Protein backbone atom coordinates (compact mmCIF):
# COMPACT_ATOMS: atom_id res chain seq x y z
CA MET A 1 18.72 -9.15 -7.06
CA THR A 2 19.57 -9.71 -3.41
CA ARG A 3 17.04 -11.31 -1.13
CA PRO A 4 18.38 -11.45 2.45
CA TYR A 5 15.52 -11.68 4.88
CA ALA A 6 15.19 -8.92 7.44
CA PRO A 7 15.36 -10.01 11.06
CA GLY A 8 12.11 -9.85 12.97
CA TYR A 9 8.77 -8.70 11.68
CA ARG A 10 9.29 -4.94 11.79
CA ILE A 11 11.25 -2.52 9.60
CA PRO A 12 12.64 0.41 11.62
CA PRO A 13 11.84 3.61 9.67
CA ASP A 14 15.42 4.90 9.86
CA LEU A 15 16.67 1.62 8.40
CA LEU A 16 14.08 1.88 5.64
CA LEU A 17 15.26 5.35 4.65
CA LYS A 18 18.90 4.23 4.67
CA ALA A 19 17.94 1.33 2.43
CA TYR A 20 16.30 3.63 -0.10
CA ALA A 21 19.30 5.95 -0.04
CA SER A 22 21.52 3.00 -0.98
CA GLY A 23 19.27 1.63 -3.74
CA VAL A 24 17.54 -1.13 -1.77
CA PHE A 25 13.84 -1.61 -1.04
CA PRO A 26 11.75 -4.22 0.83
CA MET A 27 9.18 -6.68 -0.46
CA ALA A 28 7.30 -9.68 0.92
CA GLU A 29 6.37 -12.98 -0.67
CA SER A 30 2.69 -12.34 0.03
CA ALA A 31 0.38 -10.24 2.18
CA ASP A 32 0.14 -13.05 4.73
CA ASP A 33 3.89 -13.62 5.03
CA PRO A 34 5.18 -11.80 8.15
CA GLU A 35 8.76 -11.57 6.80
CA ILE A 36 10.27 -9.19 4.28
CA PHE A 37 13.31 -9.39 2.03
CA TRP A 38 15.51 -6.66 0.59
CA VAL A 39 15.76 -6.16 -3.17
CA ARG A 40 18.60 -4.54 -5.14
CA PRO A 41 17.87 -5.17 -8.84
CA GLU A 42 20.55 -5.42 -11.48
CA SER A 43 18.53 -2.92 -13.54
CA ARG A 44 16.17 -0.33 -12.13
CA GLY A 45 13.03 1.22 -13.53
CA ILE A 46 12.76 5.00 -13.63
CA ILE A 47 10.55 7.53 -15.39
CA PRO A 48 12.71 10.45 -16.57
CA LEU A 49 10.69 13.50 -15.55
CA ASP A 50 11.68 15.53 -18.61
CA THR A 51 10.43 12.85 -21.03
CA PHE A 52 7.26 11.81 -19.17
CA HIS A 53 4.65 10.96 -21.81
CA VAL A 54 0.90 11.47 -21.56
CA SER A 55 -1.26 10.10 -24.36
CA ARG A 56 -3.89 12.31 -26.01
CA SER A 57 -6.70 10.23 -24.58
CA LEU A 58 -5.32 10.46 -21.04
CA ALA A 59 -4.66 14.19 -21.39
CA LYS A 60 -8.31 14.57 -22.31
CA VAL A 61 -9.37 12.66 -19.20
CA VAL A 62 -7.17 14.93 -17.06
CA ARG A 63 -8.72 18.05 -18.60
CA GLN A 64 -12.22 16.73 -17.96
CA ASN A 65 -11.56 16.71 -14.19
CA ARG A 66 -13.36 13.41 -13.72
CA PHE A 67 -11.64 12.93 -10.38
CA GLU A 68 -11.00 15.15 -7.41
CA ILE A 69 -7.27 14.81 -6.75
CA ARG A 70 -6.12 14.92 -3.14
CA PHE A 71 -2.65 14.59 -1.66
CA ASP A 72 -1.99 12.77 1.63
CA PHE A 73 -5.69 12.87 2.52
CA ASP A 74 -6.11 9.18 3.42
CA PHE A 75 -2.73 7.52 3.10
CA ASP A 76 -3.67 4.27 4.86
CA ALA A 77 -6.68 3.81 2.57
CA VAL A 78 -4.43 4.14 -0.47
CA VAL A 79 -2.04 1.49 0.86
CA ALA A 80 -5.01 -0.76 1.59
CA GLY A 81 -6.27 -0.23 -1.95
CA CYS A 82 -2.88 -1.14 -3.38
CA ALA A 83 -2.80 -4.26 -1.22
CA GLU A 84 -6.23 -5.62 -2.10
CA SER A 85 -6.57 -8.57 -4.46
CA ARG A 86 -7.88 -7.91 -7.94
CA GLU A 87 -8.50 -9.67 -11.21
CA GLY A 88 -5.33 -11.44 -12.29
CA ARG A 89 -3.69 -10.99 -8.90
CA ASP A 90 -4.80 -12.96 -5.87
CA SER A 91 -2.07 -11.78 -3.55
CA THR A 92 0.27 -8.85 -3.03
CA TRP A 93 3.71 -8.11 -1.61
CA ILE A 94 2.32 -5.52 0.82
CA ASN A 95 2.27 -7.29 4.19
CA ALA A 96 1.67 -6.04 7.73
CA PRO A 97 5.29 -4.97 8.50
CA ILE A 98 5.42 -3.02 5.25
CA ARG A 99 2.12 -1.28 5.98
CA GLU A 100 3.29 -0.38 9.48
CA SER A 101 6.65 0.98 8.36
CA TYR A 102 5.31 3.08 5.51
CA SER A 103 2.59 4.50 7.73
CA GLU A 104 5.32 5.60 10.13
CA LEU A 105 7.26 7.17 7.25
CA PHE A 106 4.06 8.99 6.29
CA ARG A 107 3.78 10.39 9.80
CA ARG A 108 7.39 11.57 9.51
CA GLY A 109 6.73 13.26 6.17
CA HIS A 110 8.69 10.81 4.01
CA CYS A 111 5.72 9.01 2.43
CA HIS A 112 3.00 10.56 0.31
CA SER A 113 -0.14 9.56 -1.52
CA VAL A 114 -1.89 10.94 -4.59
CA GLU A 115 -5.57 10.08 -4.51
CA ALA A 116 -8.48 10.11 -6.99
CA TRP A 117 -11.90 10.68 -5.44
CA GLN A 118 -15.43 10.64 -6.82
CA GLU A 119 -18.37 11.68 -4.66
CA ASP A 120 -16.31 11.18 -1.50
CA ALA A 121 -15.27 7.67 -2.53
CA LEU A 122 -11.62 6.75 -3.07
CA VAL A 123 -11.46 5.27 -6.58
CA GLY A 124 -7.72 5.13 -7.19
CA GLY A 125 -4.35 6.27 -6.03
CA LEU A 126 -0.66 5.72 -5.59
CA TYR A 127 1.91 6.13 -2.85
CA GLY A 128 5.64 6.37 -2.51
CA VAL A 129 8.65 7.52 -0.51
CA SER A 130 10.34 10.91 -0.82
CA LEU A 131 13.96 11.39 0.12
CA GLY A 132 15.98 14.40 -0.93
CA ARG A 133 15.07 15.10 -4.55
CA ALA A 134 14.07 11.49 -5.23
CA PHE A 135 10.59 9.96 -5.17
CA PHE A 136 10.25 6.18 -5.04
CA GLY A 137 6.92 5.02 -6.41
CA GLU A 138 5.69 1.98 -4.50
CA SER A 139 2.30 0.92 -5.83
CA MET A 140 -0.91 2.15 -7.43
CA PHE A 141 -4.48 0.95 -7.84
CA SER A 142 -7.68 1.83 -9.69
CA ARG A 143 -11.33 1.15 -8.97
CA GLN A 144 -12.40 3.38 -11.83
CA ARG A 145 -10.91 3.50 -15.32
CA ASP A 146 -7.88 5.79 -15.61
CA ALA A 147 -7.94 6.79 -11.93
CA SER A 148 -4.37 5.73 -11.12
CA LYS A 149 -3.10 7.08 -14.45
CA VAL A 150 -4.49 10.51 -13.64
CA CYS A 151 -2.84 10.30 -10.22
CA LEU A 152 0.50 9.57 -11.89
CA VAL A 153 0.12 12.63 -14.12
CA HIS A 154 -0.53 14.80 -11.06
CA LEU A 155 2.40 13.20 -9.23
CA VAL A 156 4.81 14.04 -12.03
CA GLU A 157 3.50 17.60 -12.25
CA ARG A 158 4.10 18.03 -8.54
CA LEU A 159 7.57 16.48 -8.62
CA LYS A 160 8.66 18.71 -11.48
CA SER A 161 7.31 21.84 -9.82
CA ARG A 162 8.89 21.02 -6.44
CA GLY A 163 12.45 20.38 -7.63
CA PHE A 164 12.57 16.57 -7.72
CA VAL A 165 14.95 15.02 -10.24
CA LEU A 166 14.40 11.25 -9.89
CA LEU A 167 11.20 9.20 -10.12
CA ASP A 168 11.98 5.58 -9.29
CA THR A 169 9.51 2.87 -10.33
CA GLN A 170 11.63 -0.09 -9.07
CA PHE A 171 10.77 -2.17 -12.15
CA THR A 172 9.30 -1.37 -15.55
CA THR A 173 6.06 -2.81 -16.90
CA GLU A 174 4.41 -2.43 -20.29
CA HIS A 175 1.95 -0.10 -18.58
CA LEU A 176 4.69 2.16 -17.19
CA LYS A 177 6.59 2.14 -20.47
CA THR A 178 3.68 3.96 -22.08
CA PHE A 179 4.57 6.88 -19.78
CA GLY A 180 8.25 6.74 -20.73
CA ALA A 181 9.60 4.37 -18.09
CA ILE A 182 13.02 2.91 -18.88
CA ASP A 183 15.42 0.42 -17.33
CA VAL A 184 18.84 1.67 -16.28
CA PRO A 185 21.78 -0.48 -15.11
CA ARG A 186 22.36 -0.57 -11.37
CA ILE A 187 25.63 1.37 -11.54
CA LYS A 188 24.00 4.21 -13.49
CA TYR A 189 20.94 4.20 -11.24
CA GLU A 190 23.07 4.45 -8.11
CA ARG A 191 24.89 7.47 -9.55
CA LEU A 192 21.55 9.16 -10.23
CA LEU A 193 20.35 8.20 -6.77
CA ALA A 194 23.44 9.52 -4.99
CA GLU A 195 22.98 12.90 -6.66
CA ALA A 196 19.24 13.01 -5.97
CA VAL A 197 19.33 12.16 -2.27
CA GLN A 198 21.99 14.78 -1.59
CA GLY A 199 19.67 17.54 -2.74
CA ASP A 200 16.60 18.99 -1.08
CA ALA A 201 13.04 19.09 -2.39
CA SER A 202 9.70 19.27 -0.62
CA PHE A 203 6.56 17.44 -1.70
CA PHE A 204 4.57 20.37 -0.28
CA PRO A 205 5.33 24.08 -0.60
């Protein structure tokens, strides 16, 4: 993992897209730290779209339509939800420069959110970066049970129907492994990435 600090307290959007295209992404030590560092892991987490797994219990929740799913409706609120502290996590890596840069990518059409709503309240969601036929999942949050999981199911459905071939999760967790997430060596990941970013897919029709 490389951790060179970026100069200044702003990430130019074009630089951010070039970083993703080369297998690098930014993080911060904490929400209050104004600096960011670049990460290029030795192994990378992905969810193969053709082997995405949904448990019976979660499939039931999806069928029940407990949440109204919206796309790109309130992107900044989703990022704020991902950045807020929660039980077991007092801080986050989403700092001000990261929020600013991803909001700009959203305005350019390279960032998207999947949102779970109940009675006009945002109760969960996720966001990520799209580039070519690759989608880079950044973070997710839930204020209601299963909200972010349902968002992930809808994300994968959309990616598969729109011609995406790579869903990057940066790292794997036990939670993501239940959906089929795997670790791949850097050299293999970068081959998959090179193929994916050369193609063309659209998050919206």
